[in-house]
Amino acid sequence: MSLQDFIDKYKGKRLDFDNAYSSQCVDLYDYYLRDVVGAPIILVEGAADIWTKYPTDYFEKVPNTPEGVPPAGSVMIWNRRYGPYGHVAIVTEADVNKFKALSQNDPIGRETHIKEYNYSNVYGWLVPKNLEVSEPIMNNDLQKKASGFDRIWYAFKFNDKLPEEAEEKDHYEFIDWVRSNVGRAGNWDKLCIKAGITSNSSEVTVDELHNKLYKAEVVSEQSEQLLNLRKEVESLTKSLEESTKLVEQKEKLREKWYSLYETAKANFDSCKQGNATLQKKLTECEKKGELTWGELITRIWLKIKGVKV
């Protein structure tokens, strides 16, 4: 299947090659491997991982450079600064400054469509070995590349010196300036990711980023407060449960003590009553002159011991 046939067949559709996680950009890539390249499918966690995990026998790997231009049919791969999992798409046309690609799930949930990109956050591209490379549709000659360099140079030098007049020390200063800007651009991308922005970071305004970062900080602070509140509630619940157990234990001990008290009181009352009865009988016997107290007690004791009297 040719690239154009592939575009005609799948453009406008939602592709889910593995029937997992709905329509992802990697699903489009998997269909491209099967239908156009004829390569085996290699499972990856995110699109960015394709840069290091791809069927090497079927592709030529080309890193992104300022002067590089991918041919139509190349597999373009973004790093995780573009999004949490990176991105992958199929190039349809390109020049040194921008390119168009058949893309899916960019923005999130979007079906396959043709979208224009710049080269920000791009690892590079994979060129299928069976691809018939043609000239890019957009202008891609050396003059345009040179003019792009000149525009960057003028931005650095403020038109006080032409590029062809530059000395060696100027080139070193220029390189340092470019590296500095690249570093700051990388920090900008990191802030965009922190704010939850997964679209092209070069299109984000300062106010938009500030507002999203502020909301992200507020949400983070509120989440932390809720977490602390939840911990306090859990601690109070645990303390309440322990207090309830102590109350239950105290109630059981009180009931046990009361039961023992009632038993002891009953025994005491019984002994008291028996003693009064015995004393009464002894008094009656003594009055009748039958037995003295000592003799009666002795006879009771002997009877208890089983001795006949």
Protein backbone atom coordinates (compact mmCIF):
# COMPACT_ATOMS: atom_id res chain seq x y z
CA MET A 1 0.00 0.00 0.00
CA SER A 2 1.31 3.46 -0.91
CA LEU A 3 1.40 6.41 1.47
CA GLN A 4 -1.42 8.14 -0.42
CA ASP A 5 -3.55 4.98 -0.33
CA PHE A 6 -2.92 4.75 3.42
CA ILE A 7 -4.00 8.38 3.91
CA ASP A 8 -7.12 7.91 1.77
CA LYS A 9 -8.10 4.76 3.66
CA TYR A 10 -7.65 5.95 7.25
CA LYS A 11 -7.97 9.74 7.28
CA GLY A 12 -10.96 10.81 9.37
CA LYS A 13 -11.19 7.48 11.22
CA ARG A 14 -10.43 6.49 14.81
CA LEU A 15 -7.94 3.64 14.77
CA ASP A 16 -7.50 1.21 17.68
CA PHE A 17 -5.04 -1.45 16.50
CA ASP A 18 -4.67 -3.34 19.80
CA ASN A 19 -8.21 -2.72 21.12
CA ALA A 20 -6.71 -1.11 24.24
CA TYR A 21 -6.71 2.47 25.56
CA SER A 22 -9.00 3.60 22.72
CA SER A 23 -7.56 5.50 19.71
CA GLN A 24 -3.92 6.42 20.40
CA CYS A 25 -1.24 7.84 18.11
CA VAL A 26 0.69 4.55 18.39
CA ASP A 27 -2.32 2.72 16.89
CA LEU A 28 -1.91 4.76 13.68
CA TYR A 29 1.81 3.90 13.66
CA ASP A 30 1.04 0.18 14.09
CA TYR A 31 -1.36 0.24 11.12
CA TYR A 32 1.36 2.02 9.08
CA LEU A 33 3.89 -0.68 10.00
CA ARG A 34 1.50 -3.42 8.88
CA ASP A 35 -0.04 -1.89 5.76
CA VAL A 36 2.76 0.20 4.23
CA VAL A 37 6.13 -0.79 5.70
CA GLY A 38 5.37 -4.49 6.20
CA ALA A 39 7.28 -4.48 9.49
CA PRO A 40 6.57 -6.43 12.71
CA ILE A 41 4.80 -4.68 15.61
CA ILE A 42 6.96 -3.86 18.65
CA LEU A 43 5.05 -3.01 21.83
CA VAL A 44 6.00 0.26 23.55
CA GLU A 45 4.79 2.04 26.68
CA GLY A 46 4.60 5.44 24.97
CA ALA A 47 5.18 6.91 21.52
CA ALA A 48 8.50 8.45 22.63
CA ASP A 49 9.86 4.92 23.22
CA ILE A 50 9.62 4.18 19.47
CA TRP A 51 12.83 6.23 19.06
CA THR A 52 14.75 3.39 20.73
CA LYS A 53 12.37 0.44 20.09
CA TYR A 54 11.55 0.02 16.40
CA PRO A 55 12.12 -2.68 13.72
CA THR A 56 15.64 -1.60 12.72
CA ASP A 57 15.74 -3.78 9.62
CA TYR A 58 12.94 -1.74 8.07
CA PHE A 59 13.97 1.86 8.86
CA GLU A 60 16.80 4.36 8.66
CA LYS A 61 16.96 6.48 11.84
CA VAL A 62 17.56 10.22 11.31
CA PRO A 63 18.05 12.58 14.32
CA ASN A 64 16.41 16.01 14.19
CA THR A 65 18.85 18.74 13.09
CA PRO A 66 18.33 22.40 12.13
CA GLU A 67 18.89 21.60 8.46
CA GLY A 68 17.19 18.20 8.30
CA VAL A 69 13.99 17.67 6.29
CA PRO A 70 12.11 14.34 6.47
CA PRO A 71 10.75 12.83 3.25
CA ALA A 72 7.03 12.13 2.97
CA GLY A 73 6.26 8.76 4.53
CA SER A 74 8.74 9.16 7.39
CA VAL A 75 7.64 8.29 10.92
CA MET A 76 8.05 11.43 13.07
CA ILE A 77 8.72 10.87 16.79
CA TRP A 78 8.36 13.46 19.57
CA ASN A 79 9.92 13.34 23.05
CA ARG A 80 8.02 13.50 26.35
CA ARG A 81 8.26 17.28 26.53
CA TYR A 82 5.55 17.36 23.88
CA GLY A 83 3.32 15.22 26.10
CA PRO A 84 3.57 12.68 28.92
CA TYR A 85 4.02 9.82 26.43
CA GLY A 86 5.49 11.73 23.49
CA HIS A 87 3.83 11.50 20.07
CA VAL A 88 4.19 9.77 16.69
CA ALA A 89 2.78 10.68 13.27
CA ILE A 90 3.38 10.00 9.56
CA VAL A 91 4.96 12.85 7.56
CA THR A 92 3.08 13.93 4.42
CA GLU A 93 5.18 16.99 3.44
CA ALA A 94 7.96 19.07 5.00
CA ASP A 95 10.48 21.88 4.74
CA VAL A 96 13.23 23.05 7.08
CA ASN A 97 10.87 25.08 9.29
CA LYS A 98 7.68 23.00 9.48
CA PHE A 99 5.97 19.87 8.25
CA LYS A 100 2.57 18.26 7.90
CA ALA A 101 1.72 14.80 9.13
CA LEU A 102 -1.12 12.30 9.35
CA SER A 103 -1.78 12.31 13.08
CA GLN A 104 -4.18 10.78 15.62
CA ASN A 105 -5.10 11.76 19.20
CA ASP A 106 -3.52 15.21 18.82
CA PRO A 107 -5.27 17.03 20.34
CA ILE A 108 -6.46 14.28 22.70
CA GLY A 109 -9.39 12.33 21.30
CA ARG A 110 -9.03 13.65 17.73
CA GLU A 111 -9.44 11.19 14.83
CA THR A 112 -6.77 10.80 12.13
CA HIS A 113 -6.21 14.08 10.30
CA ILE A 114 -3.51 16.13 8.62
CA LYS A 115 -1.88 18.57 11.05
CA GLU A 116 0.94 21.10 10.64
CA TYR A 117 3.83 21.07 13.12
CA ASN A 118 7.18 22.69 13.77
CA TYR A 119 10.23 20.70 14.86
CA SER A 120 9.97 21.56 18.58
CA ASN A 121 10.46 18.53 20.88
CA VAL A 122 11.08 16.19 17.93
CA TYR A 123 13.60 13.38 18.48
CA GLY A 124 13.87 12.74 14.76
CA TRP A 125 12.26 10.46 12.17
CA LEU A 126 12.38 6.92 10.83
CA VAL A 127 12.59 6.60 7.04
CA PRO A 128 11.16 3.29 5.73
CA LYS A 129 13.76 1.45 3.62
CA ASN A 130 11.07 0.52 1.11
CA LEU A 131 10.05 4.17 0.71
CA GLU A 132 10.45 5.81 -2.69
CA VAL A 133 11.86 9.14 -1.55
CA SER A 134 10.57 12.13 -3.49
CA GLU A 135 11.28 15.80 -3.17
CA PRO A 136 9.27 17.38 -0.33
CA ILE A 137 6.21 19.28 -1.46
CA MET A 138 7.33 22.42 0.36
CA ASN A 139 10.37 24.41 -0.83
CA ASN A 140 13.52 22.81 0.57
CA ASP A 141 16.50 24.29 -1.27
CA LEU A 142 19.76 25.44 0.27
CA GLN A 143 18.95 29.11 -0.24
CA LYS A 144 15.94 28.86 2.06
CA LYS A 145 18.02 27.13 4.72
CA ALA A 146 20.67 29.82 4.43
CA SER A 147 18.07 32.57 4.75
CA GLY A 148 16.76 30.89 7.91
CA PHE A 149 20.28 30.96 9.37
CA ASP A 150 20.63 34.61 8.44
CA ARG A 151 17.41 35.51 10.28
CA ILE A 152 18.67 33.83 13.45
CA TRP A 153 22.04 35.52 13.06
CA TYR A 154 20.48 38.96 12.70
CA ALA A 155 18.37 38.37 15.80
CA PHE A 156 21.59 37.68 17.70
CA LYS A 157 23.77 40.43 16.23
CA PHE A 158 21.08 43.08 15.78
CA ASN A 159 22.18 43.67 12.18
CA ASP A 160 25.56 45.12 13.26
CA LYS A 161 27.49 42.49 11.28
CA LEU A 162 26.68 40.32 8.27
CA PRO A 163 27.09 36.52 8.63
CA GLU A 164 29.83 36.44 5.99
CA GLU A 165 31.78 39.07 7.99
CA ALA A 166 31.75 36.99 11.18
CA GLU A 167 35.02 36.07 12.84
CA GLU A 168 35.76 32.88 14.76
CA LYS A 169 34.98 34.46 18.13
CA ASP A 170 31.62 35.63 16.73
CA HIS A 171 30.76 32.06 15.83
CA TYR A 172 31.54 30.90 19.39
CA GLU A 173 29.39 33.70 20.84
CA PHE A 174 26.62 32.78 18.45
CA ILE A 175 26.77 29.10 19.43
CA ASP A 176 26.63 30.04 23.15
CA TRP A 177 23.64 32.28 22.46
CA VAL A 178 21.82 29.49 20.62
CA ARG A 179 22.54 27.03 23.43
CA SER A 180 21.27 29.51 26.00
CA ASN A 181 18.03 29.96 24.09
CA VAL A 182 17.64 26.21 23.66
CA GLY A 183 18.05 25.78 27.42
CA ARG A 184 15.46 28.44 28.20
CA ALA A 185 13.12 26.91 25.64
CA GLY A 186 13.53 23.57 27.39
CA ASN A 187 12.63 25.17 30.71
CA TRP A 188 9.56 26.69 29.06
CA ASP A 189 8.52 23.21 27.90
CA LYS A 190 8.98 21.85 31.43
CA LEU A 191 6.73 24.60 32.85
CA CYS A 192 4.09 23.80 30.21
CA ILE A 193 4.17 20.11 31.18
CA LYS A 194 3.91 21.05 34.87
CA ALA A 195 0.84 23.15 34.03
CA GLY A 196 -0.73 20.18 32.20
CA ILE A 197 -0.35 21.67 28.71
CA THR A 198 0.23 18.87 26.18
CA SER A 199 -0.22 20.90 23.00
CA ASN A 200 2.54 22.73 21.11
CA SER A 201 4.35 24.74 23.80
CA SER A 202 5.54 27.36 21.31
CA GLU A 203 1.93 28.50 20.88
CA VAL A 204 1.35 29.03 24.61
CA THR A 205 1.28 32.64 25.83
CA VAL A 206 2.87 33.87 29.04
CA ASP A 207 -0.53 34.79 30.53
CA GLU A 208 -1.99 31.39 29.64
CA LEU A 209 0.95 29.57 31.23
CA HIS A 210 0.80 31.79 34.34
CA ASN A 211 -2.92 31.16 34.81
CA LYS A 212 -2.57 27.41 34.37
CA LEU A 213 0.43 27.24 36.72
CA TYR A 214 -1.48 29.27 39.32
CA LYS A 215 -4.46 26.92 39.03
CA ALA A 216 -2.14 23.92 39.21
CA GLU A 217 -0.56 25.30 42.41
CA VAL A 218 -3.99 26.04 43.90
CA VAL A 219 -5.22 22.56 43.06
CA SER A 220 -2.02 21.06 44.46
CA GLU A 221 -2.35 23.11 47.66
CA GLN A 222 -6.02 22.16 48.03
CA SER A 223 -5.17 18.50 47.41
CA GLU A 224 -2.54 18.67 50.15
CA GLN A 225 -5.02 20.31 52.53
CA LEU A 226 -7.62 17.63 51.77
CA LEU A 227 -5.00 14.93 52.34
CA ASN A 228 -4.04 16.44 55.72
CA LEU A 229 -7.72 16.77 56.65
CA ARG A 230 -8.30 13.14 55.71
CA LYS A 231 -5.38 12.08 57.91
CA GLU A 232 -6.83 14.08 60.83
CA VAL A 233 -10.25 12.49 60.33
CA GLU A 234 -8.70 9.01 60.21
CA SER A 235 -6.74 9.78 63.41
CA LEU A 236 -9.86 11.05 65.21
CA THR A 237 -11.85 8.04 64.00
CA LYS A 238 -9.19 5.71 65.37
CA SER A 239 -9.13 7.55 68.71
CA LEU A 240 -12.93 7.41 68.87
CA GLU A 241 -12.88 3.67 68.17
CA GLU A 242 -10.30 3.14 70.92
CA SER A 243 -12.37 5.27 73.35
CA THR A 244 -15.48 3.26 72.47
CA LYS A 245 -13.64 0.02 73.20
CA LEU A 246 -12.47 1.38 76.58
CA VAL A 247 -16.03 2.38 77.45
CA GLU A 248 -17.26 -1.09 76.48
CA GLN A 249 -14.55 -2.73 78.59
CA LYS A 250 -15.38 -0.47 81.54
CA GLU A 251 -19.08 -1.37 81.26
CA LYS A 252 -18.27 -5.09 81.19
CA LEU A 253 -16.05 -4.74 84.30
CA ARG A 254 -18.80 -2.78 86.08
CA GLU A 255 -21.34 -5.50 85.28
CA LYS A 256 -18.94 -8.21 86.50
CA TRP A 257 -18.21 -6.32 89.72
CA TYR A 258 -21.93 -5.81 90.36
CA SER A 259 -22.58 -9.53 89.82
CA LEU A 260 -19.81 -10.48 92.28
CA TYR A 261 -21.15 -7.93 94.74
CA GLU A 262 -24.67 -9.38 94.56
CA THR A 263 -23.31 -12.92 95.07
CA ALA A 264 -21.18 -11.88 98.05
CA LYS A 265 -24.08 -9.96 99.60
CA ALA A 266 -26.39 -12.95 99.20
CA ASN A 267 -23.83 -15.23 100.85
CA PHE A 268 -23.31 -12.76 103.67
CA ASP A 269 -27.05 -12.39 104.28
CA SER A 270 -27.43 -16.18 104.27
CA CYS A 271 -24.63 -16.63 106.83
CA LYS A 272 -26.04 -13.84 108.96
CA GLN A 273 -29.47 -15.45 108.94
CA GLY A 274 -28.03 -18.91 109.73
CA ASN A 275 -26.00 -17.50 112.60
CA ALA A 276 -29.08 -15.82 114.10
CA THR A 277 -31.05 -19.08 113.83
CA LEU A 278 -28.24 -21.05 115.48
CA GLN A 279 -27.92 -18.53 118.26
CA LYS A 280 -31.66 -18.69 118.90
CA LYS A 281 -31.63 -22.47 119.16
CA LEU A 282 -28.64 -22.47 121.47
CA THR A 283 -30.37 -20.00 123.75
CA GLU A 284 -33.51 -22.13 123.82
CA CYS A 285 -31.51 -25.25 124.66
CA GLU A 286 -29.67 -23.49 127.44
CA LYS A 287 -32.94 -22.22 128.96
CA LYS A 288 -34.39 -25.72 128.95
CA GLY A 289 -31.24 -26.98 130.65
CA GLU A 290 -30.67 -29.58 128.06
CA LEU A 291 -27.20 -28.58 126.89
CA THR A 292 -24.79 -25.77 127.41
CA TRP A 293 -23.51 -23.73 124.51
CA GLY A 294 -20.17 -25.46 124.66
CA GLU A 295 -21.71 -28.93 124.65
CA LEU A 296 -24.04 -28.07 121.78
CA ILE A 297 -21.23 -26.64 119.64
CA THR A 298 -19.11 -29.70 120.42
CA ARG A 299 -21.89 -32.04 119.32
CA ILE A 300 -22.44 -30.04 116.08
CA TRP A 301 -18.73 -30.17 115.32
CA LEU A 302 -18.54 -33.93 115.96
CA LYS A 303 -21.60 -34.49 113.80
CA ILE A 304 -19.97 -32.54 110.98
CA LYS A 305 -16.89 -34.76 111.39
CA GLY A 306 -19.08 -37.89 111.25
CA VAL A 307 -18.52 -38.96 114.87
CA LYS A 308 -21.47 -40.60 116.66
CA VAL A 309 -22.39 -39.06 119.97
